[in-house]
Amino acid sequence: MSKTLLVTGGSGFIGSNFVRYILQHRDDYRVINLDKLTYAGNPANLRDFDEDERYRFVHGDICDVALVDSLVGECDGIINFAAESHVDRSIMAGA
């Protein structure tokens, strides 16, 4: 039986490498990638998995409680890579 991971920030540098590793090395895992696609997220990082039935991309924000709640119900685990890489952006824009 396969397990499903919700990966937040999965289109950024670290997140996309994690998603790539899981999909290439673990046939028993599915990945839902939730990413807001700000300056750090690049959907091209995982484009080669677009046709993989074990991969699903969701364009959204971790601050969207209803969206996150709907995805969590499908998952066995959550890995969080969603972050602002520049602290000043976090301070200026808030959460």
PDB file of N, CA and C in Angstrom:
ATOM      1  N   MET A   1       0.847  -1.187   0.000  1.00  0.00           N
ATOM      2  CA  MET A   1       0.000   0.000   0.000  1.00  0.00           C
ATOM      3  C   MET A   1       0.885   1.241   0.000  1.00  0.00           C
ATOM      4  N   SER A   2       0.581   2.174  -0.886  1.00  0.00           N
ATOM      5  CA  SER A   2       1.418   3.366  -0.981  1.00  0.00           C
ATOM      6  C   SER A   2       1.055   4.390   0.088  1.00  0.00           C
ATOM      7  N   LYS A   3       2.028   5.191   0.425  1.00  0.00           N
ATOM      8  CA  LYS A   3       1.839   6.283   1.379  1.00  0.00           C
ATOM      9  C   LYS A   3       1.905   7.591   0.611  1.00  0.00           C
ATOM     10  N   THR A   4       1.215   8.597   1.131  1.00  0.00           N
ATOM     11  CA  THR A   4       1.194   9.900   0.481  1.00  0.00           C
ATOM     12  C   THR A   4       1.811  10.945   1.392  1.00  0.00           C
ATOM     13  N   LEU A   5       2.756  11.698   0.842  1.00  0.00           N
ATOM     14  CA  LEU A   5       3.389  12.799   1.560  1.00  0.00           C
ATOM     15  C   LEU A   5       2.894  14.116   0.994  1.00  0.00           C
ATOM     16  N   LEU A   6       2.565  15.045   1.876  1.00  0.00           N
ATOM     17  CA  LEU A   6       2.312  16.422   1.482  1.00  0.00           C
ATOM     18  C   LEU A   6       3.624  17.167   1.676  1.00  0.00           C
ATOM     19  N   VAL A   7       4.173  17.695   0.593  1.00  0.00           N
ATOM     20  CA  VAL A   7       5.422  18.445   0.664  1.00  0.00           C
ATOM     21  C   VAL A   7       5.091  19.899   0.378  1.00  0.00           C
ATOM     22  N   THR A   8       5.284  20.760   1.369  1.00  0.00           N
ATOM     23  CA  THR A   8       5.048  22.188   1.170  1.00  0.00           C
ATOM     24  C   THR A   8       6.352  22.832   0.718  1.00  0.00           C
ATOM     25  N   GLY A   9       6.242  23.746  -0.237  1.00  0.00           N
ATOM     26  CA  GLY A   9       7.449  24.357  -0.787  1.00  0.00           C
ATOM     27  C   GLY A   9       8.242  23.398  -1.647  1.00  0.00           C
ATOM     28  N   GLY A  10       7.555  22.453  -2.243  1.00  0.00           N
ATOM     29  CA  GLY A  10       8.225  21.413  -3.019  1.00  0.00           C
ATOM     30  C   GLY A  10       8.769  21.840  -4.365  1.00  0.00           C
ATOM     31  N   SER A  11       8.530  23.084  -4.770  1.00  0.00           N
ATOM     32  CA  SER A  11       9.067  23.559  -6.052  1.00  0.00           C
ATOM     33  C   SER A  11      10.319  24.411  -5.887  1.00  0.00           C
ATOM     34  N   GLY A  12      10.726  24.643  -4.651  1.00  0.00           N
ATOM     35  CA  GLY A  12      11.969  25.368  -4.396  1.00  0.00           C
ATOM     36  C   GLY A  12      13.161  24.440  -4.538  1.00  0.00           C
ATOM     37  N   PHE A  13      14.343  24.956  -4.302  1.00  0.00           N
ATOM     38  CA  PHE A  13      15.564  24.173  -4.508  1.00  0.00           C
ATOM     39  C   PHE A  13      15.614  22.923  -3.624  1.00  0.00           C
ATOM     40  N   ILE A  14      15.491  23.099  -2.330  1.00  0.00           N
ATOM     41  CA  ILE A  14      15.589  21.955  -1.416  1.00  0.00           C
ATOM     42  C   ILE A  14      14.371  21.050  -1.561  1.00  0.00           C
ATOM     43  N   GLY A  15      13.183  21.645  -1.588  1.00  0.00           N
ATOM     44  CA  GLY A  15      11.962  20.855  -1.693  1.00  0.00           C
ATOM     45  C   GLY A  15      11.907  20.016  -2.950  1.00  0.00           C
ATOM     46  N   SER A  16      12.292  20.592  -4.084  1.00  0.00           N
ATOM     47  CA  SER A  16      12.227  19.839  -5.345  1.00  0.00           C
ATOM     48  C   SER A  16      13.234  18.698  -5.367  1.00  0.00           C
ATOM     49  N   ASN A  17      14.377  18.894  -4.749  1.00  0.00           N
ATOM     50  CA  ASN A  17      15.343  17.798  -4.676  1.00  0.00           C
ATOM     51  C   ASN A  17      14.844  16.680  -3.774  1.00  0.00           C
ATOM     52  N   PHE A  18      14.139  17.029  -2.700  1.00  0.00           N
ATOM     53  CA  PHE A  18      13.538  16.014  -1.837  1.00  0.00           C
ATOM     54  C   PHE A  18      12.465  15.240  -2.605  1.00  0.00           C
ATOM     55  N   VAL A  19      11.565  15.961  -3.275  1.00  0.00           N
ATOM     56  CA  VAL A  19      10.502  15.313  -4.054  1.00  0.00           C
ATOM     57  C   VAL A  19      11.112  14.388  -5.105  1.00  0.00           C
ATOM     58  N   ARG A  20      12.107  14.878  -5.812  1.00  0.00           N
ATOM     59  CA  ARG A  20      12.778  14.076  -6.839  1.00  0.00           C
ATOM     60  C   ARG A  20      13.367  12.796  -6.233  1.00  0.00           C
ATOM     61  N   TYR A  21      14.018  12.920  -5.092  1.00  0.00           N
ATOM     62  CA  TYR A  21      14.612  11.747  -4.443  1.00  0.00           C
ATOM     63  C   TYR A  21      13.537  10.714  -4.091  1.00  0.00           C
ATOM     64  N   ILE A  22      12.455  11.175  -3.477  1.00  0.00           N
ATOM     65  CA  ILE A  22      11.380  10.248  -3.084  1.00  0.00           C
ATOM     66  C   ILE A  22      10.810   9.538  -4.305  1.00  0.00           C
ATOM     67  N   LEU A  23      10.487  10.287  -5.354  1.00  0.00           N
ATOM     68  CA  LEU A  23       9.865   9.683  -6.531  1.00  0.00           C
ATOM     69  C   LEU A  23      10.818   8.763  -7.291  1.00  0.00           C
ATOM     70  N   GLN A  24      12.103   9.020  -7.219  1.00  0.00           N
ATOM     71  CA  GLN A  24      13.067   8.171  -7.915  1.00  0.00           C
ATOM     72  C   GLN A  24      13.473   6.938  -7.119  1.00  0.00           C
ATOM     73  N   HIS A  25      13.352   7.004  -5.788  1.00  0.00           N
ATOM     74  CA  HIS A  25      13.853   5.907  -4.961  1.00  0.00           C
ATOM     75  C   HIS A  25      12.789   5.146  -4.183  1.00  0.00           C
ATOM     76  N   ARG A  26      11.577   5.647  -4.132  1.00  0.00           N
ATOM     77  CA  ARG A  26      10.525   4.998  -3.339  1.00  0.00           C
ATOM     78  C   ARG A  26       9.267   4.821  -4.186  1.00  0.00           C
ATOM     79  N   ASP A  27       9.098   3.642  -4.738  1.00  0.00           N
ATOM     80  CA  ASP A  27       7.906   3.349  -5.538  1.00  0.00           C
ATOM     81  C   ASP A  27       6.642   3.300  -4.695  1.00  0.00           C
ATOM     82  N   ASP A  28       6.803   3.178  -3.385  1.00  0.00           N
ATOM     83  CA  ASP A  28       5.648   3.042  -2.492  1.00  0.00           C
ATOM     84  C   ASP A  28       5.160   4.388  -1.944  1.00  0.00           C
ATOM     85  N   TYR A  29       5.645   5.500  -2.492  1.00  0.00           N
ATOM     86  CA  TYR A  29       5.220   6.824  -2.030  1.00  0.00           C
ATOM     87  C   TYR A  29       4.625   7.639  -3.169  1.00  0.00           C
ATOM     88  N   ARG A  30       3.600   8.407  -2.810  1.00  0.00           N
ATOM     89  CA  ARG A  30       3.029   9.432  -3.681  1.00  0.00           C
ATOM     90  C   ARG A  30       3.356  10.777  -3.043  1.00  0.00           C
ATOM     91  N   VAL A  31       3.448  11.823  -3.860  1.00  0.00           N
ATOM     92  CA  VAL A  31       3.778  13.153  -3.349  1.00  0.00           C
ATOM     93  C   VAL A  31       2.757  14.164  -3.854  1.00  0.00           C
ATOM     94  N   ILE A  32       2.222  14.944  -2.910  1.00  0.00           N
ATOM     95  CA  ILE A  32       1.431  16.124  -3.243  1.00  0.00           C
ATOM     96  C   ILE A  32       2.317  17.319  -2.921  1.00  0.00           C
ATOM     97  N   ASN A  33       2.624  18.107  -3.928  1.00  0.00           N
ATOM     98  CA  ASN A  33       3.505  19.263  -3.784  1.00  0.00           C
ATOM     99  C   ASN A  33       2.647  20.523  -3.713  1.00  0.00           C
ATOM    100  N   LEU A  34       2.577  21.135  -2.543  1.00  0.00           N
ATOM    101  CA  LEU A  34       1.845  22.389  -2.351  1.00  0.00           C
ATOM    102  C   LEU A  34       2.845  23.535  -2.364  1.00  0.00           C
ATOM    103  N   ASP A  35       2.728  24.408  -3.357  1.00  0.00           N
ATOM    104  CA  ASP A  35       3.684  25.512  -3.465  1.00  0.00           C
ATOM    105  C   ASP A  35       2.982  26.766  -3.965  1.00  0.00           C
ATOM    106  N   LYS A  36       3.343  27.892  -3.378  1.00  0.00           N
ATOM    107  CA  LYS A  36       2.784  29.192  -3.747  1.00  0.00           C
ATOM    108  C   LYS A  36       3.434  29.757  -5.017  1.00  0.00           C
ATOM    109  N   LEU A  37       4.587  29.212  -5.371  1.00  0.00           N
ATOM    110  CA  LEU A  37       5.351  29.644  -6.547  1.00  0.00           C
ATOM    111  C   LEU A  37       5.695  31.127  -6.501  1.00  0.00           C
ATOM    112  N   THR A  38       6.339  31.519  -5.413  1.00  0.00           N
ATOM    113  CA  THR A  38       6.859  32.881  -5.322  1.00  0.00           C
ATOM    114  C   THR A  38       8.208  32.914  -6.046  1.00  0.00           C
ATOM    115  N   TYR A  39       9.047  33.874  -5.722  1.00  0.00           N
ATOM    116  CA  TYR A  39      10.343  34.020  -6.379  1.00  0.00           C
ATOM    117  C   TYR A  39      11.222  32.779  -6.274  1.00  0.00           C
ATOM    118  N   ALA A  40      11.039  31.960  -5.241  1.00  0.00           N
ATOM    119  CA  ALA A  40      11.918  30.810  -5.022  1.00  0.00           C
ATOM    120  C   ALA A  40      11.398  29.526  -5.653  1.00  0.00           C
ATOM    121  N   GLY A  41      10.105  29.456  -5.931  1.00  0.00           N
ATOM    122  CA  GLY A  41       9.525  28.235  -6.483  1.00  0.00           C
ATOM    123  C   GLY A  41       9.572  28.228  -7.999  1.00  0.00           C
ATOM    124  N   ASN A  42       9.975  27.109  -8.562  1.00  0.00           N
ATOM    125  CA  ASN A  42      10.068  26.989 -10.012  1.00  0.00           C
ATOM    126  C   ASN A  42       9.446  25.661 -10.437  1.00  0.00           C
ATOM    127  N   PRO A  43       8.282  25.691 -11.086  1.00  0.00           N
ATOM    128  CA  PRO A  43       7.636  24.437 -11.485  1.00  0.00           C
ATOM    129  C   PRO A  43       8.478  23.616 -12.458  1.00  0.00           C
ATOM    130  N   ALA A  44       9.404  24.246 -13.155  1.00  0.00           N
ATOM    131  CA  ALA A  44      10.270  23.512 -14.081  1.00  0.00           C
ATOM    132  C   ALA A  44      11.187  22.537 -13.341  1.00  0.00           C
ATOM    133  N   ASN A  45      11.420  22.768 -12.046  1.00  0.00           N
ATOM    134  CA  ASN A  45      12.272  21.867 -11.265  1.00  0.00           C
ATOM    135  C   ASN A  45      11.750  20.439 -11.262  1.00  0.00           C
ATOM    136  N   LEU A  46      10.433  20.272 -11.400  1.00  0.00           N
ATOM    137  CA  LEU A  46       9.827  18.935 -11.330  1.00  0.00           C
ATOM    138  C   LEU A  46       8.998  18.610 -12.571  1.00  0.00           C
ATOM    139  N   ARG A  47       9.198  19.337 -13.632  1.00  0.00           N
ATOM    140  CA  ARG A  47       8.405  19.153 -14.852  1.00  0.00           C
ATOM    141  C   ARG A  47       8.449  17.716 -15.363  1.00  0.00           C
ATOM    142  N   ASP A  48       9.571  17.034 -15.187  1.00  0.00           N
ATOM    143  CA  ASP A  48       9.683  15.666 -15.690  1.00  0.00           C
ATOM    144  C   ASP A  48       8.801  14.674 -14.929  1.00  0.00           C
ATOM    145  N   PHE A  49       8.142  15.116 -13.861  1.00  0.00           N
ATOM    146  CA  PHE A  49       7.217  14.243 -13.133  1.00  0.00           C
ATOM    147  C   PHE A  49       5.753  14.575 -13.419  1.00  0.00           C
ATOM    148  N   ASP A  50       5.497  15.517 -14.316  1.00  0.00           N
ATOM    149  CA  ASP A  50       4.120  15.925 -14.617  1.00  0.00           C
ATOM    150  C   ASP A  50       3.228  14.752 -15.018  1.00  0.00           C
ATOM    151  N   GLU A  51       3.780  13.777 -15.695  1.00  0.00           N
ATOM    152  CA  GLU A  51       2.993  12.624 -16.158  1.00  0.00           C
ATOM    153  C   GLU A  51       3.043  11.442 -15.186  1.00  0.00           C
ATOM    154  N   ASP A  52       3.770  11.583 -14.103  1.00  0.00           N
ATOM    155  CA  ASP A  52       3.880  10.503 -13.111  1.00  0.00           C
ATOM    156  C   ASP A  52       2.639  10.520 -12.228  1.00  0.00           C
ATOM    157  N   GLU A  53       1.898   9.430 -12.207  1.00  0.00           N
ATOM    158  CA  GLU A  53       0.657   9.379 -11.418  1.00  0.00           C
ATOM    159  C   GLU A  53       0.898   9.486  -9.918  1.00  0.00           C
ATOM    160  N   ARG A  54       2.154   9.330  -9.492  1.00  0.00           N
ATOM    161  CA  ARG A  54       2.469   9.445  -8.063  1.00  0.00           C
ATOM    162  C   ARG A  54       2.746  10.884  -7.647  1.00  0.00           C
ATOM    163  N   TYR A  55       2.732  11.820  -8.605  1.00  0.00           N
ATOM    164  CA  TYR A  55       3.051  13.224  -8.322  1.00  0.00           C
ATOM    165  C   TYR A  55       1.861  14.113  -8.648  1.00  0.00           C
ATOM    166  N   ARG A  56       1.558  15.002  -7.719  1.00  0.00           N
ATOM    167  CA  ARG A  56       0.479  15.973  -7.939  1.00  0.00           C
ATOM    168  C   ARG A  56       0.938  17.335  -7.449  1.00  0.00           C
ATOM    169  N   PHE A  57       0.792  18.342  -8.298  1.00  0.00           N
ATOM    170  CA  PHE A  57       1.136  19.707  -7.931  1.00  0.00           C
ATOM    171  C   PHE A  57      -0.132  20.475  -7.592  1.00  0.00           C
ATOM    172  N   VAL A  58      -0.092  21.205  -6.471  1.00  0.00           N
ATOM    173  CA  VAL A  58      -1.196  22.076  -6.076  1.00  0.00           C
ATOM    174  C   VAL A  58      -0.624  23.476  -5.887  1.00  0.00           C
ATOM    175  N   HIS A  59      -1.124  24.429  -6.681  1.00  0.00           N
ATOM    176  CA  HIS A  59      -0.680  25.818  -6.551  1.00  0.00           C
ATOM    177  C   HIS A  59      -1.501  26.460  -5.438  1.00  0.00           C
ATOM    178  N   GLY A  60      -0.849  26.756  -4.326  1.00  0.00           N
ATOM    179  CA  GLY A  60      -1.563  27.335  -3.202  1.00  0.00           C
ATOM    180  C   GLY A  60      -0.621  27.766  -2.102  1.00  0.00           C
ATOM    181  N   ASP A  61      -1.212  28.334  -1.067  1.00  0.00           N
ATOM    182  CA  ASP A  61      -0.483  28.944   0.043  1.00  0.00           C
ATOM    183  C   ASP A  61      -0.731  28.137   1.316  1.00  0.00           C
ATOM    184  N   ILE A  62       0.317  27.907   2.095  1.00  0.00           N
ATOM    185  CA  ILE A  62       0.141  27.185   3.356  1.00  0.00           C
ATOM    186  C   ILE A  62      -0.700  27.979   4.353  1.00  0.00           C
ATOM    187  N   CYS A  63      -0.907  29.261   4.105  1.00  0.00           N
ATOM    188  CA  CYS A  63      -1.764  30.084   4.974  1.00  0.00           C
ATOM    189  C   CYS A  63      -3.244  29.898   4.662  1.00  0.00           C
ATOM    190  N   ASP A  64      -3.563  29.186   3.596  1.00  0.00           N
ATOM    191  CA  ASP A  64      -4.944  28.898   3.214  1.00  0.00           C
ATOM    192  C   ASP A  64      -5.396  27.662   3.997  1.00  0.00           C
ATOM    193  N   VAL A  65      -6.007  27.892   5.143  1.00  0.00           N
ATOM    194  CA  VAL A  65      -6.360  26.812   6.069  1.00  0.00           C
ATOM    195  C   VAL A  65      -7.278  25.784   5.414  1.00  0.00           C
ATOM    196  N   ALA A  66      -8.274  26.233   4.670  1.00  0.00           N
ATOM    197  CA  ALA A  66      -9.212  25.304   4.034  1.00  0.00           C
ATOM    198  C   ALA A  66      -8.488  24.401   3.033  1.00  0.00           C
ATOM    199  N   LEU A  67      -7.591  24.968   2.255  1.00  0.00           N
ATOM    200  CA  LEU A  67      -6.836  24.176   1.285  1.00  0.00           C
ATOM    201  C   LEU A  67      -5.959  23.152   1.985  1.00  0.00           C
ATOM    202  N   VAL A  68      -5.212  23.601   2.979  1.00  0.00           N
ATOM    203  CA  VAL A  68      -4.319  22.686   3.699  1.00  0.00           C
ATOM    204  C   VAL A  68      -5.124  21.582   4.379  1.00  0.00           C
ATOM    205  N   ASP A  69      -6.237  21.939   5.010  1.00  0.00           N
ATOM    206  CA  ASP A  69      -7.090  20.925   5.644  1.00  0.00           C
ATOM    207  C   ASP A  69      -7.555  19.882   4.638  1.00  0.00           C
ATOM    208  N   SER A  70      -7.918  20.318   3.438  1.00  0.00           N
ATOM    209  CA  SER A  70      -8.401  19.370   2.432  1.00  0.00           C
ATOM    210  C   SER A  70      -7.295  18.425   1.970  1.00  0.00           C
ATOM    211  N   LEU A  71      -6.068  18.891   1.949  1.00  0.00           N
ATOM    212  CA  LEU A  71      -4.945  18.057   1.511  1.00  0.00           C
ATOM    213  C   LEU A  71      -4.454  17.129   2.613  1.00  0.00           C
ATOM    214  N   VAL A  72      -4.461  17.611   3.844  1.00  0.00           N
ATOM    215  CA  VAL A  72      -3.966  16.814   4.972  1.00  0.00           C
ATOM    216  C   VAL A  72      -4.746  15.507   5.110  1.00  0.00           C
ATOM    217  N   GLY A  73      -6.028  15.557   4.814  1.00  0.00           N
ATOM    218  CA  GLY A  73      -6.849  14.356   4.912  1.00  0.00           C
ATOM    219  C   GLY A  73      -6.422  13.245   3.976  1.00  0.00           C
ATOM    220  N   GLU A  74      -5.674  13.575   2.935  1.00  0.00           N
ATOM    221  CA  GLU A  74      -5.211  12.591   1.959  1.00  0.00           C
ATOM    222  C   GLU A  74      -3.823  12.047   2.289  1.00  0.00           C
ATOM    223  N   CYS A  75      -3.184  12.582   3.324  1.00  0.00           N
ATOM    224  CA  CYS A  75      -1.759  12.328   3.524  1.00  0.00           C
ATOM    225  C   CYS A  75      -1.442  11.490   4.750  1.00  0.00           C
ATOM    226  N   ASP A  76      -0.312  10.806   4.643  1.00  0.00           N
ATOM    227  CA  ASP A  76       0.224  10.039   5.765  1.00  0.00           C
ATOM    228  C   ASP A  76       1.297  10.820   6.509  1.00  0.00           C
ATOM    229  N   GLY A  77       1.823  11.857   5.882  1.00  0.00           N
ATOM    230  CA  GLY A  77       2.858  12.668   6.508  1.00  0.00           C
ATOM    231  C   GLY A  77       3.008  13.995   5.800  1.00  0.00           C
ATOM    232  N   ILE A  78       3.613  14.955   6.495  1.00  0.00           N
ATOM    233  CA  ILE A  78       3.828  16.292   5.951  1.00  0.00           C
ATOM    234  C   ILE A  78       5.297  16.655   6.120  1.00  0.00           C
ATOM    235  N   ILE A  79       5.890  17.129   5.032  1.00  0.00           N
ATOM    236  CA  ILE A  79       7.262  17.617   5.058  1.00  0.00           C
ATOM    237  C   ILE A  79       7.202  19.088   4.664  1.00  0.00           C
ATOM    238  N   ASN A  80       7.710  19.981   5.516  1.00  0.00           N
ATOM    239  CA  ASN A  80       7.603  21.416   5.267  1.00  0.00           C
ATOM    240  C   ASN A  80       8.921  22.006   4.787  1.00  0.00           C
ATOM    241  N   PHE A  81       8.914  22.475   3.538  1.00  0.00           N
ATOM    242  CA  PHE A  81      10.036  23.237   2.999  1.00  0.00           C
ATOM    243  C   PHE A  81       9.599  24.651   2.630  1.00  0.00           C
ATOM    244  N   ALA A  82       8.350  24.998   2.891  1.00  0.00           N
ATOM    245  CA  ALA A  82       7.841  26.333   2.554  1.00  0.00           C
ATOM    246  C   ALA A  82       8.487  27.357   3.477  1.00  0.00           C
ATOM    247  N   ALA A  83       9.114  28.363   2.870  1.00  0.00           N
ATOM    248  CA  ALA A  83       9.808  29.369   3.676  1.00  0.00           C
ATOM    249  C   ALA A  83      10.172  30.568   2.814  1.00  0.00           C
ATOM    250  N   GLU A  84      10.401  31.657   3.460  1.00  0.00           N
ATOM    251  CA  GLU A  84      10.991  32.823   2.815  1.00  0.00           C
ATOM    252  C   GLU A  84      12.495  32.702   3.023  1.00  0.00           C
ATOM    253  N   SER A  85      13.243  32.775   1.960  1.00  0.00           N
ATOM    254  CA  SER A  85      14.693  32.614   2.104  1.00  0.00           C
ATOM    255  C   SER A  85      15.386  33.893   2.561  1.00  0.00           C
ATOM    256  N   HIS A  86      14.680  34.997   2.516  1.00  0.00           N
ATOM    257  CA  HIS A  86      15.237  36.266   2.979  1.00  0.00           C
ATOM    258  C   HIS A  86      14.412  36.741   4.169  1.00  0.00           C
ATOM    259  N   VAL A  87      15.026  36.817   5.334  1.00  0.00           N
ATOM    260  CA  VAL A  87      14.305  37.183   6.551  1.00  0.00           C
ATOM    261  C   VAL A  87      13.611  38.524   6.402  1.00  0.00           C
ATOM    262  N   ASP A  88      14.230  39.473   5.726  1.00  0.00           N
ATOM    263  CA  ASP A  88      13.614  40.788   5.580  1.00  0.00           C
ATOM    264  C   ASP A  88      12.283  40.711   4.833  1.00  0.00           C
ATOM    265  N   ARG A  89      12.143  39.786   3.898  1.00  0.00           N
ATOM    266  CA  ARG A  89      10.862  39.627   3.201  1.00  0.00           C
ATOM    267  C   ARG A  89       9.793  39.117   4.156  1.00  0.00           C
ATOM    268  N   SER A  90      10.160  38.222   5.056  1.00  0.00           N
ATOM    269  CA  SER A  90       9.203  37.709   6.040  1.00  0.00           C
ATOM    270  C   SER A  90       8.737  38.815   6.977  1.00  0.00           C
ATOM    271  N   ILE A  91       9.644  39.664   7.390  1.00  0.00           N
ATOM    272  CA  ILE A  91       9.306  40.750   8.309  1.00  0.00           C
ATOM    273  C   ILE A  91       8.416  41.771   7.617  1.00  0.00           C
ATOM    274  N   MET A  92       8.749  42.133   6.387  1.00  0.00           N
ATOM    275  CA  MET A  92       7.998  43.152   5.654  1.00  0.00           C
ATOM    276  C   MET A  92       6.602  42.669   5.263  1.00  0.00           C
ATOM    277  N   ALA A  93       6.477  41.407   4.872  1.00  0.00           N
ATOM    278  CA  ALA A  93       5.203  40.901   4.352  1.00  0.00           C
ATOM    279  C   ALA A  93       4.395  40.149   5.398  1.00  0.00           C
ATOM    280  N   GLY A  94       4.971  39.824   6.516  1.00  0.00           N
ATOM    281  CA  GLY A  94       4.278  39.016   7.518  1.00  0.00           C
ATOM    282  C   GLY A  94       4.250  37.559   7.099  1.00  0.00           C
ATOM    283  N   ALA A  95       3.424  36.778   7.780  1.00  0.00           N
ATOM    284  CA  ALA A  95       3.328  35.347   7.486  1.00  0.00           C
ATOM    285  C   ALA A  95       2.807  35.168   6.114  1.00  0.00           C
TER     286      ALA A  95
END
